[in-house]
Amino acid sequence: MAKTSQERSAKTAKKRVANAEEELRLRVRPGTRQALSDLMEWSGITEQGEAMTLMIHHLHALGSARCKPLFEPPRHNVQISGNVAREFRNKSLLAIQKDPGDEIIDP
């Protein structure tokens, strides 16, 4: 006799408890989702859970010293050009002239 869906669900739940499985949820923005899709395509993996599990295990296998740089978020290096700085200063001076009483303090 075939099992009912309730019996199958109960069996699956029992297995998850026995294996100490835990559900992890992850909300991502489009860029992260695209990166995961690319990784899955390059690897021929069709299941997101499988891809993330493999990534976690492979990173863990690298060890703390080798995987640490991969967890450093990229920082934006902002360089203000001379033209932009000059334009900002000129507009600031105009604003000060329109509202007398402010003092100019050069850095």
PDB file of N, CA and C in Angstrom:
ATOM      1  N   MET A   1       0.831  -1.177   0.000  1.00  0.00           N
ATOM      2  CA  MET A   1       0.000   0.000   0.000  1.00  0.00           C
ATOM      3  C   MET A   1       0.881   1.248   0.000  1.00  0.00           C
ATOM      4  N   ALA A   2       0.549   2.238  -0.794  1.00  0.00           N
ATOM      5  CA  ALA A   2       1.327   3.475  -0.904  1.00  0.00           C
ATOM      6  C   ALA A   2       1.142   4.331   0.352  1.00  0.00           C
ATOM      7  N   LYS A   3       2.205   5.026   0.691  1.00  0.00           N
ATOM      8  CA  LYS A   3       2.150   5.906   1.864  1.00  0.00           C
ATOM      9  C   LYS A   3       1.400   7.181   1.520  1.00  0.00           C
ATOM     10  N   THR A   4       0.742   7.740   2.508  1.00  0.00           N
ATOM     11  CA  THR A   4       0.065   9.024   2.320  1.00  0.00           C
ATOM     12  C   THR A   4       1.097  10.136   2.422  1.00  0.00           C
ATOM     13  N   SER A   5       0.710  11.325   1.991  1.00  0.00           N
ATOM     14  CA  SER A   5       1.647  12.452   2.060  1.00  0.00           C
ATOM     15  C   SER A   5       1.989  12.781   3.508  1.00  0.00           C
ATOM     16  N   GLN A   6       1.047  12.576   4.413  1.00  0.00           N
ATOM     17  CA  GLN A   6       1.330  12.831   5.839  1.00  0.00           C
ATOM     18  C   GLN A   6       2.382  11.863   6.359  1.00  0.00           C
ATOM     19  N   GLU A   7       2.295  10.601   5.942  1.00  0.00           N
ATOM     20  CA  GLU A   7       3.275   9.608   6.385  1.00  0.00           C
ATOM     21  C   GLU A   7       4.661   9.927   5.829  1.00  0.00           C
ATOM     22  N   ARG A   8       4.697  10.350   4.555  1.00  0.00           N
ATOM     23  CA  ARG A   8       5.987  10.727   3.949  1.00  0.00           C
ATOM     24  C   ARG A   8       6.573  11.949   4.650  1.00  0.00           C
ATOM     25  N   SER A   9       5.734  12.936   4.958  1.00  0.00           N
ATOM     26  CA  SER A   9       6.193  14.141   5.650  1.00  0.00           C
ATOM     27  C   SER A   9       6.716  13.804   7.036  1.00  0.00           C
ATOM     28  N   ALA A  10       6.025  12.930   7.738  1.00  0.00           N
ATOM     29  CA  ALA A  10       6.455  12.530   9.079  1.00  0.00           C
ATOM     30  C   ALA A  10       7.799  11.807   9.020  1.00  0.00           C
ATOM     31  N   LYS A  11       7.969  10.928   8.025  1.00  0.00           N
ATOM     32  CA  LYS A  11       9.233  10.207   7.866  1.00  0.00           C
ATOM     33  C   LYS A  11      10.376  11.179   7.563  1.00  0.00           C
ATOM     34  N   THR A  12      10.122  12.142   6.664  1.00  0.00           N
ATOM     35  CA  THR A  12      11.136  13.141   6.311  1.00  0.00           C
ATOM     36  C   THR A  12      11.499  13.982   7.525  1.00  0.00           C
ATOM     37  N   ALA A  13      10.495  14.403   8.294  1.00  0.00           N
ATOM     38  CA  ALA A  13      10.747  15.203   9.492  1.00  0.00           C
ATOM     39  C   ALA A  13      11.574  14.417  10.503  1.00  0.00           C
ATOM     40  N   LYS A  14      11.281  13.138  10.638  1.00  0.00           N
ATOM     41  CA  LYS A  14      12.021  12.279  11.574  1.00  0.00           C
ATOM     42  C   LYS A  14      13.491  12.176  11.144  1.00  0.00           C
ATOM     43  N   LYS A  15      13.722  12.025   9.823  1.00  0.00           N
ATOM     44  CA  LYS A  15      15.090  11.949   9.300  1.00  0.00           C
ATOM     45  C   LYS A  15      15.841  13.256   9.574  1.00  0.00           C
ATOM     46  N   ARG A  16      15.164  14.381   9.370  1.00  0.00           N
ATOM     47  CA  ARG A  16      15.813  15.679   9.592  1.00  0.00           C
ATOM     48  C   ARG A  16      16.218  15.847  11.043  1.00  0.00           C
ATOM     49  N   VAL A  17      15.374  15.422  11.960  1.00  0.00           N
ATOM     50  CA  VAL A  17      15.704  15.506  13.388  1.00  0.00           C
ATOM     51  C   VAL A  17      16.876  14.585  13.693  1.00  0.00           C
ATOM     52  N   ALA A  18      16.858  13.367  13.159  1.00  0.00           N
ATOM     53  CA  ALA A  18      17.928  12.398  13.403  1.00  0.00           C
ATOM     54  C   ALA A  18      19.264  12.901  12.870  1.00  0.00           C
ATOM     55  N   ASN A  19      19.243  13.605  11.746  1.00  0.00           N
ATOM     56  CA  ASN A  19      20.479  14.122  11.146  1.00  0.00           C
ATOM     57  C   ASN A  19      20.847  15.514  11.637  1.00  0.00           C
ATOM     58  N   ALA A  20      20.061  16.063  12.545  1.00  0.00           N
ATOM     59  CA  ALA A  20      20.275  17.415  13.095  1.00  0.00           C
ATOM     60  C   ALA A  20      20.329  18.461  11.988  1.00  0.00           C
ATOM     61  N   GLU A  21      19.469  18.310  10.990  1.00  0.00           N
ATOM     62  CA  GLU A  21      19.415  19.279   9.899  1.00  0.00           C
ATOM     63  C   GLU A  21      18.803  20.576  10.389  1.00  0.00           C
ATOM     64  N   GLU A  22      19.301  21.665   9.827  1.00  0.00           N
ATOM     65  CA  GLU A  22      18.796  23.002  10.165  1.00  0.00           C
ATOM     66  C   GLU A  22      18.624  23.784   8.871  1.00  0.00           C
ATOM     67  N   GLU A  23      17.510  24.477   8.759  1.00  0.00           N
ATOM     68  CA  GLU A  23      17.252  25.262   7.561  1.00  0.00           C
ATOM     69  C   GLU A  23      17.900  26.636   7.711  1.00  0.00           C
ATOM     70  N   LEU A  24      18.678  27.011   6.709  1.00  0.00           N
ATOM     71  CA  LEU A  24      19.278  28.338   6.667  1.00  0.00           C
ATOM     72  C   LEU A  24      18.600  29.117   5.546  1.00  0.00           C
ATOM     73  N   ARG A  25      18.209  30.340   5.840  1.00  0.00           N
ATOM     74  CA  ARG A  25      17.582  31.177   4.817  1.00  0.00           C
ATOM     75  C   ARG A  25      18.495  32.332   4.498  1.00  0.00           C
ATOM     76  N   LEU A  26      18.447  32.767   3.256  1.00  0.00           N
ATOM     77  CA  LEU A  26      19.336  33.822   2.809  1.00  0.00           C
ATOM     78  C   LEU A  26      18.586  34.724   1.843  1.00  0.00           C
ATOM     79  N   ARG A  27      18.497  35.987   2.168  1.00  0.00           N
ATOM     80  CA  ARG A  27      17.908  36.968   1.267  1.00  0.00           C
ATOM     81  C   ARG A  27      19.053  37.672   0.553  1.00  0.00           C
ATOM     82  N   VAL A  28      18.954  37.763  -0.753  1.00  0.00           N
ATOM     83  CA  VAL A  28      20.029  38.365  -1.542  1.00  0.00           C
ATOM     84  C   VAL A  28      19.475  39.370  -2.527  1.00  0.00           C
ATOM     85  N   ARG A  29      20.339  40.258  -2.956  1.00  0.00           N
ATOM     86  CA  ARG A  29      19.995  41.240  -3.980  1.00  0.00           C
ATOM     87  C   ARG A  29      20.323  40.653  -5.348  1.00  0.00           C
ATOM     88  N   PRO A  30      19.852  41.310  -6.404  1.00  0.00           N
ATOM     89  CA  PRO A  30      20.033  40.744  -7.748  1.00  0.00           C
ATOM     90  C   PRO A  30      21.481  40.423  -8.118  1.00  0.00           C
ATOM     91  N   GLY A  31      22.437  41.246  -7.721  1.00  0.00           N
ATOM     92  CA  GLY A  31      23.832  40.989  -8.075  1.00  0.00           C
ATOM     93  C   GLY A  31      24.354  39.703  -7.447  1.00  0.00           C
ATOM     94  N   THR A  32      23.988  39.462  -6.202  1.00  0.00           N
ATOM     95  CA  THR A  32      24.407  38.236  -5.519  1.00  0.00           C
ATOM     96  C   THR A  32      23.719  37.032  -6.141  1.00  0.00           C
ATOM     97  N   ARG A  33      22.458  37.189  -6.478  1.00  0.00           N
ATOM     98  CA  ARG A  33      21.706  36.096  -7.112  1.00  0.00           C
ATOM     99  C   ARG A  33      22.322  35.755  -8.467  1.00  0.00           C
ATOM    100  N   GLN A  34      22.736  36.773  -9.219  1.00  0.00           N
ATOM    101  CA  GLN A  34      23.365  36.536 -10.517  1.00  0.00           C
ATOM    102  C   GLN A  34      24.703  35.826 -10.351  1.00  0.00           C
ATOM    103  N   ALA A  35      25.469  36.224  -9.328  1.00  0.00           N
ATOM    104  CA  ALA A  35      26.758  35.578  -9.076  1.00  0.00           C
ATOM    105  C   ALA A  35      26.551  34.096  -8.753  1.00  0.00           C
ATOM    106  N   LEU A  36      25.543  33.783  -7.935  1.00  0.00           N
ATOM    107  CA  LEU A  36      25.252  32.384  -7.618  1.00  0.00           C
ATOM    108  C   LEU A  36      24.820  31.629  -8.867  1.00  0.00           C
ATOM    109  N   SER A  37      23.992  32.247  -9.690  1.00  0.00           N
ATOM    110  CA  SER A  37      23.558  31.608 -10.939  1.00  0.00           C
ATOM    111  C   SER A  37      24.746  31.312 -11.845  1.00  0.00           C
ATOM    112  N   ASP A  38      25.672  32.266 -11.947  1.00  0.00           N
ATOM    113  CA  ASP A  38      26.871  32.065 -12.767  1.00  0.00           C
ATOM    114  C   ASP A  38      27.700  30.897 -12.232  1.00  0.00           C
ATOM    115  N   LEU A  39      27.920  30.884 -10.915  1.00  0.00           N
ATOM    116  CA  LEU A  39      28.700  29.804 -10.308  1.00  0.00           C
ATOM    117  C   LEU A  39      28.046  28.446 -10.561  1.00  0.00           C
ATOM    118  N   MET A  40      26.722  28.404 -10.440  1.00  0.00           N
ATOM    119  CA  MET A  40      26.000  27.153 -10.665  1.00  0.00           C
ATOM    120  C   MET A  40      26.131  26.715 -12.122  1.00  0.00           C
ATOM    121  N   GLU A  41      26.028  27.666 -13.038  1.00  0.00           N
ATOM    122  CA  GLU A  41      26.143  27.344 -14.459  1.00  0.00           C
ATOM    123  C   GLU A  41      27.538  26.835 -14.794  1.00  0.00           C
ATOM    124  N   TRP A  42      28.562  27.519 -14.285  1.00  0.00           N
ATOM    125  CA  TRP A  42      29.947  27.123 -14.552  1.00  0.00           C
ATOM    126  C   TRP A  42      30.238  25.722 -14.029  1.00  0.00           C
ATOM    127  N   SER A  43      29.582  25.363 -12.923  1.00  0.00           N
ATOM    128  CA  SER A  43      29.848  24.080 -12.282  1.00  0.00           C
ATOM    129  C   SER A  43      28.893  22.987 -12.715  1.00  0.00           C
ATOM    130  N   GLY A  44      27.838  23.357 -13.431  1.00  0.00           N
ATOM    131  CA  GLY A  44      26.857  22.363 -13.850  1.00  0.00           C
ATOM    132  C   GLY A  44      25.954  21.917 -12.711  1.00  0.00           C
ATOM    133  N   ILE A  45      25.787  22.765 -11.716  1.00  0.00           N
ATOM    134  CA  ILE A  45      24.939  22.452 -10.563  1.00  0.00           C
ATOM    135  C   ILE A  45      23.576  23.099 -10.778  1.00  0.00           C
ATOM    136  N   THR A  46      22.516  22.348 -10.495  1.00  0.00           N
ATOM    137  CA  THR A  46      21.168  22.871 -10.725  1.00  0.00           C
ATOM    138  C   THR A  46      20.437  23.244  -9.439  1.00  0.00           C
ATOM    139  N   GLU A  47      20.903  22.748  -8.305  1.00  0.00           N
ATOM    140  CA  GLU A  47      20.244  23.024  -7.025  1.00  0.00           C
ATOM    141  C   GLU A  47      21.010  24.091  -6.251  1.00  0.00           C
ATOM    142  N   GLN A  48      20.300  25.149  -5.837  1.00  0.00           N
ATOM    143  CA  GLN A  48      20.948  26.229  -5.077  1.00  0.00           C
ATOM    144  C   GLN A  48      21.525  25.714  -3.764  1.00  0.00           C
ATOM    145  N   GLY A  49      20.776  24.883  -3.082  1.00  0.00           N
ATOM    146  CA  GLY A  49      21.235  24.346  -1.798  1.00  0.00           C
ATOM    147  C   GLY A  49      22.524  23.567  -1.940  1.00  0.00           C
ATOM    148  N   GLU A  50      22.613  22.768  -3.003  1.00  0.00           N
ATOM    149  CA  GLU A  50      23.823  21.992  -3.258  1.00  0.00           C
ATOM    150  C   GLU A  50      25.003  22.918  -3.519  1.00  0.00           C
ATOM    151  N   ALA A  51      24.778  23.963  -4.321  1.00  0.00           N
ATOM    152  CA  ALA A  51      25.853  24.909  -4.636  1.00  0.00           C
ATOM    153  C   ALA A  51      26.356  25.596  -3.370  1.00  0.00           C
ATOM    154  N   MET A  52      25.444  26.060  -2.534  1.00  0.00           N
ATOM    155  CA  MET A  52      25.867  26.757  -1.315  1.00  0.00           C
ATOM    156  C   MET A  52      26.557  25.808  -0.338  1.00  0.00           C
ATOM    157  N   THR A  53      26.050  24.574  -0.236  1.00  0.00           N
ATOM    158  CA  THR A  53      26.683  23.590   0.644  1.00  0.00           C
ATOM    159  C   THR A  53      28.103  23.296   0.191  1.00  0.00           C
ATOM    160  N   LEU A  54      28.281  23.100  -1.119  1.00  0.00           N
ATOM    161  CA  LEU A  54      29.618  22.832  -1.642  1.00  0.00           C
ATOM    162  C   LEU A  54      30.558  24.008  -1.416  1.00  0.00           C
ATOM    163  N   MET A  55      30.060  25.226  -1.631  1.00  0.00           N
ATOM    164  CA  MET A  55      30.908  26.404  -1.407  1.00  0.00           C
ATOM    165  C   MET A  55      31.361  26.472   0.045  1.00  0.00           C
ATOM    166  N   ILE A  56      30.454  26.240   0.960  1.00  0.00           N
ATOM    167  CA  ILE A  56      30.796  26.295   2.393  1.00  0.00           C
ATOM    168  C   ILE A  56      31.854  25.251   2.723  1.00  0.00           C
ATOM    169  N   HIS A  57      31.659  24.019   2.249  1.00  0.00           N
ATOM    170  CA  HIS A  57      32.619  22.960   2.564  1.00  0.00           C
ATOM    171  C   HIS A  57      33.978  23.195   1.913  1.00  0.00           C
ATOM    172  N   HIS A  58      33.983  23.700   0.678  1.00  0.00           N
ATOM    173  CA  HIS A  58      35.261  23.970   0.012  1.00  0.00           C
ATOM    174  C   HIS A  58      36.002  25.126   0.692  1.00  0.00           C
ATOM    175  N   LEU A  59      35.270  26.157   1.103  1.00  0.00           N
ATOM    176  CA  LEU A  59      35.909  27.263   1.827  1.00  0.00           C
ATOM    177  C   LEU A  59      36.468  26.773   3.158  1.00  0.00           C
ATOM    178  N   HIS A  60      35.710  25.941   3.835  1.00  0.00           N
ATOM    179  CA  HIS A  60      36.161  25.416   5.122  1.00  0.00           C
ATOM    180  C   HIS A  60      37.414  24.571   4.947  1.00  0.00           C
ATOM    181  N   ALA A  61      37.497  23.825   3.853  1.00  0.00           N
ATOM    182  CA  ALA A  61      38.665  22.985   3.585  1.00  0.00           C
ATOM    183  C   ALA A  61      39.923  23.817   3.352  1.00  0.00           C
ATOM    184  N   LEU A  62      39.761  25.065   2.916  1.00  0.00           N
ATOM    185  CA  LEU A  62      40.928  25.928   2.709  1.00  0.00           C
ATOM    186  C   LEU A  62      41.618  26.270   4.028  1.00  0.00           C
ATOM    187  N   GLY A  63      40.892  26.265   5.111  1.00  0.00           N
ATOM    188  CA  GLY A  63      41.449  26.628   6.405  1.00  0.00           C
ATOM    189  C   GLY A  63      41.296  28.122   6.655  1.00  0.00           C
ATOM    190  N   SER A  64      41.510  28.514   7.893  1.00  0.00           N
ATOM    191  CA  SER A  64      41.233  29.899   8.286  1.00  0.00           C
ATOM    192  C   SER A  64      42.128  30.914   7.575  1.00  0.00           C
ATOM    193  N   ALA A  65      43.405  30.607   7.420  1.00  0.00           N
ATOM    194  CA  ALA A  65      44.326  31.585   6.826  1.00  0.00           C
ATOM    195  C   ALA A  65      44.039  31.808   5.338  1.00  0.00           C
ATOM    196  N   ARG A  66      43.716  30.743   4.612  1.00  0.00           N
ATOM    197  CA  ARG A  66      43.517  30.879   3.167  1.00  0.00           C
ATOM    198  C   ARG A  66      42.128  31.378   2.798  1.00  0.00           C
ATOM    199  N   CYS A  67      41.135  31.164   3.673  1.00  0.00           N
ATOM    200  CA  CYS A  67      39.784  31.626   3.307  1.00  0.00           C
ATOM    201  C   CYS A  67      39.491  33.025   3.851  1.00  0.00           C
ATOM    202  N   LYS A  68      40.290  33.491   4.816  1.00  0.00           N
ATOM    203  CA  LYS A  68      40.031  34.807   5.412  1.00  0.00           C
ATOM    204  C   LYS A  68      39.986  35.930   4.373  1.00  0.00           C
ATOM    205  N   PRO A  69      40.931  36.007   3.413  1.00  0.00           N
ATOM    206  CA  PRO A  69      40.858  37.084   2.417  1.00  0.00           C
ATOM    207  C   PRO A  69      39.575  37.065   1.589  1.00  0.00           C
ATOM    208  N   LEU A  70      38.967  35.901   1.433  1.00  0.00           N
ATOM    209  CA  LEU A  70      37.730  35.798   0.660  1.00  0.00           C
ATOM    210  C   LEU A  70      36.540  36.393   1.405  1.00  0.00           C
ATOM    211  N   PHE A  71      36.680  36.583   2.700  1.00  0.00           N
ATOM    212  CA  PHE A  71      35.599  37.136   3.509  1.00  0.00           C
ATOM    213  C   PHE A  71      35.803  38.608   3.848  1.00  0.00           C
ATOM    214  N   GLU A  72      36.807  39.223   3.255  1.00  0.00           N
ATOM    215  CA  GLU A  72      37.013  40.650   3.459  1.00  0.00           C
ATOM    216  C   GLU A  72      36.210  41.405   2.404  1.00  0.00           C
ATOM    217  N   PRO A  73      35.245  42.213   2.841  1.00  0.00           N
ATOM    218  CA  PRO A  73      34.407  42.905   1.858  1.00  0.00           C
ATOM    219  C   PRO A  73      35.226  43.915   1.056  1.00  0.00           C
ATOM    220  N   PRO A  74      34.898  44.066  -0.223  1.00  0.00           N
ATOM    221  CA  PRO A  74      35.633  45.045  -1.033  1.00  0.00           C
ATOM    222  C   PRO A  74      35.326  46.458  -0.552  1.00  0.00           C
ATOM    223  N   ARG A  75      36.342  47.269  -0.475  1.00  0.00           N
ATOM    224  CA  ARG A  75      36.171  48.657  -0.046  1.00  0.00           C
ATOM    225  C   ARG A  75      36.326  49.562  -1.257  1.00  0.00           C
ATOM    226  N   HIS A  76      35.490  50.567  -1.318  1.00  0.00           N
ATOM    227  CA  HIS A  76      35.573  51.522  -2.417  1.00  0.00           C
ATOM    228  C   HIS A  76      36.649  52.543  -2.096  1.00  0.00           C
ATOM    229  N   ASN A  77      37.510  52.793  -3.058  1.00  0.00           N
ATOM    230  CA  ASN A  77      38.566  53.773  -2.896  1.00  0.00           C
ATOM    231  C   ASN A  77      38.144  55.016  -3.677  1.00  0.00           C
ATOM    232  N   VAL A  78      37.757  56.045  -2.953  1.00  0.00           N
ATOM    233  CA  VAL A  78      37.261  57.264  -3.591  1.00  0.00           C
ATOM    234  C   VAL A  78      38.410  58.249  -3.745  1.00  0.00           C
ATOM    235  N   GLN A  79      38.655  58.663  -4.970  1.00  0.00           N
ATOM    236  CA  GLN A  79      39.690  59.649  -5.267  1.00  0.00           C
ATOM    237  C   GLN A  79      38.997  60.888  -5.815  1.00  0.00           C
ATOM    238  N   ILE A  80      39.137  61.991  -5.144  1.00  0.00           N
ATOM    239  CA  ILE A  80      38.525  63.237  -5.605  1.00  0.00           C
ATOM    240  C   ILE A  80      39.542  63.952  -6.485  1.00  0.00           C
ATOM    241  N   SER A  81      39.158  64.171  -7.727  1.00  0.00           N
ATOM    242  CA  SER A  81      40.072  64.805  -8.671  1.00  0.00           C
ATOM    243  C   SER A  81      40.224  66.289  -8.347  1.00  0.00           C
ATOM    244  N   GLY A  82      41.267  66.883  -8.882  1.00  0.00           N
ATOM    245  CA  GLY A  82      41.509  68.305  -8.667  1.00  0.00           C
ATOM    246  C   GLY A  82      40.387  69.168  -9.225  1.00  0.00           C
ATOM    247  N   ASN A  83      39.839  68.753 -10.379  1.00  0.00           N
ATOM    248  CA  ASN A  83      38.729  69.508 -10.978  1.00  0.00           C
ATOM    249  C   ASN A  83      37.504  69.516 -10.076  1.00  0.00           C
ATOM    250  N   VAL A  84      37.179  68.375  -9.512  1.00  0.00           N
ATOM    251  CA  VAL A  84      36.009  68.273  -8.639  1.00  0.00           C
ATOM    252  C   VAL A  84      36.240  69.088  -7.370  1.00  0.00           C
ATOM    253  N   ALA A  85      37.428  68.994  -6.792  1.00  0.00           N
ATOM    254  CA  ALA A  85      37.734  69.753  -5.583  1.00  0.00           C
ATOM    255  C   ALA A  85      37.655  71.252  -5.844  1.00  0.00           C
ATOM    256  N   ARG A  86      38.184  71.676  -6.992  1.00  0.00           N
ATOM    257  CA  ARG A  86      38.161  73.095  -7.346  1.00  0.00           C
ATOM    258  C   ARG A  86      36.724  73.581  -7.551  1.00  0.00           C
ATOM    259  N   GLU A  87      35.917  72.783  -8.250  1.00  0.00           N
ATOM    260  CA  GLU A  87      34.517  73.147  -8.485  1.00  0.00           C
ATOM    261  C   GLU A  87      33.742  73.229  -7.166  1.00  0.00           C
ATOM    262  N   PHE A  88      34.006  72.285  -6.279  1.00  0.00           N
ATOM    263  CA  PHE A  88      33.341  72.302  -4.970  1.00  0.00           C
ATOM    264  C   PHE A  88      33.722  73.555  -4.191  1.00  0.00           C
ATOM    265  N   ARG A  89      35.020  73.887  -4.205  1.00  0.00           N
ATOM    266  CA  ARG A  89      35.483  75.081  -3.494  1.00  0.00           C
ATOM    267  C   ARG A  89      34.843  76.346  -4.070  1.00  0.00           C
ATOM    268  N   ASN A  90      34.793  76.447  -5.419  1.00  0.00           N
ATOM    269  CA  ASN A  90      34.203  77.621  -6.056  1.00  0.00           C
ATOM    270  C   ASN A  90      32.728  77.777  -5.703  1.00  0.00           C
ATOM    271  N   LYS A  91      31.998  76.663  -5.731  1.00  0.00           N
ATOM    272  CA  LYS A  91      30.574  76.737  -5.392  1.00  0.00           C
ATOM    273  C   LYS A  91      30.387  77.046  -3.914  1.00  0.00           C
ATOM    274  N   SER A  92      31.274  76.543  -3.079  1.00  0.00           N
ATOM    275  CA  SER A  92      31.198  76.850  -1.650  1.00  0.00           C
ATOM    276  C   SER A  92      31.428  78.341  -1.413  1.00  0.00           C
ATOM    277  N   LEU A  93      32.414  78.895  -2.120  1.00  0.00           N
ATOM    278  CA  LEU A  93      32.685  80.327  -1.980  1.00  0.00           C
ATOM    279  C   LEU A  93      31.491  81.167  -2.433  1.00  0.00           C
ATOM    280  N   LEU A  94      30.829  80.756  -3.524  1.00  0.00           N
ATOM    281  CA  LEU A  94      29.636  81.465  -3.983  1.00  0.00           C
ATOM    282  C   LEU A  94      28.530  81.417  -2.931  1.00  0.00           C
ATOM    283  N   ALA A  95      28.349  80.269  -2.317  1.00  0.00           N
ATOM    284  CA  ALA A  95      27.315  80.124  -1.290  1.00  0.00           C
ATOM    285  C   ALA A  95      27.636  81.006  -0.093  1.00  0.00           C
ATOM    286  N   ILE A  96      28.906  81.091   0.252  1.00  0.00           N
ATOM    287  CA  ILE A  96      29.305  81.931   1.388  1.00  0.00           C
ATOM    288  C   ILE A  96      29.081  83.407   1.064  1.00  0.00           C
ATOM    289  N   GLN A  97      29.362  83.799  -0.180  1.00  0.00           N
ATOM    290  CA  GLN A  97      29.159  85.194  -0.577  1.00  0.00           C
ATOM    291  C   GLN A  97      27.688  85.579  -0.523  1.00  0.00           C
ATOM    292  N   LYS A  98      26.804  84.637  -0.822  1.00  0.00           N
ATOM    293  CA  LYS A  98      25.370  84.918  -0.777  1.00  0.00           C
ATOM    294  C   LYS A  98      24.865  85.048   0.654  1.00  0.00           C
ATOM    295  N   ASP A  99      25.570  84.429   1.584  1.00  0.00           N
ATOM    296  CA  ASP A  99      25.176  84.484   2.985  1.00  0.00           C
ATOM    297  C   ASP A  99      26.336  85.039   3.810  1.00  0.00           C
ATOM    298  N   PRO A 100      26.494  86.371   3.825  1.00  0.00           N
ATOM    299  CA  PRO A 100      27.639  86.959   4.529  1.00  0.00           C
ATOM    300  C   PRO A 100      27.628  86.635   6.008  1.00  0.00           C
ATOM    301  N   GLY A 101      28.797  86.659   6.574  1.00  0.00           N
ATOM    302  CA  GLY A 101      28.933  86.357   8.000  1.00  0.00           C
ATOM    303  C   GLY A 101      29.669  85.062   8.210  1.00  0.00           C
ATOM    304  N   ASP A 102      29.668  84.189   7.213  1.00  0.00           N
ATOM    305  CA  ASP A 102      30.421  82.941   7.334  1.00  0.00           C
ATOM    306  C   ASP A 102      31.890  83.234   7.033  1.00  0.00           C
ATOM    307  N   GLU A 103      32.744  82.521   7.697  1.00  0.00           N
ATOM    308  CA  GLU A 103      34.174  82.718   7.505  1.00  0.00           C
ATOM    309  C   GLU A 103      34.730  81.576   6.677  1.00  0.00           C
ATOM    310  N   ILE A 104      35.768  81.896   5.908  1.00  0.00           N
ATOM    311  CA  ILE A 104      36.472  80.875   5.125  1.00  0.00           C
ATOM    312  C   ILE A 104      37.637  80.391   5.952  1.00  0.00           C
ATOM    313  N   ILE A 105      37.666  79.098   6.177  1.00  0.00           N
ATOM    314  CA  ILE A 105      38.783  78.493   6.923  1.00  0.00           C
ATOM    315  C   ILE A 105      39.414  77.475   5.978  1.00  0.00           C
ATOM    316  N   ASP A 106      40.629  77.803   5.501  1.00  0.00           N
ATOM    317  CA  ASP A 106      41.337  76.876   4.631  1.00  0.00           C
ATOM    318  C   ASP A 106      41.919  75.748   5.469  1.00  0.00           C
ATOM    319  N   PRO A 107      41.840  74.533   4.953  1.00  0.00           N
ATOM    320  CA  PRO A 107      42.387  73.391   5.704  1.00  0.00           C
ATOM    321  C   PRO A 107      43.890  73.419   5.760  1.00  0.00           C
TER     322      PRO A 107
END
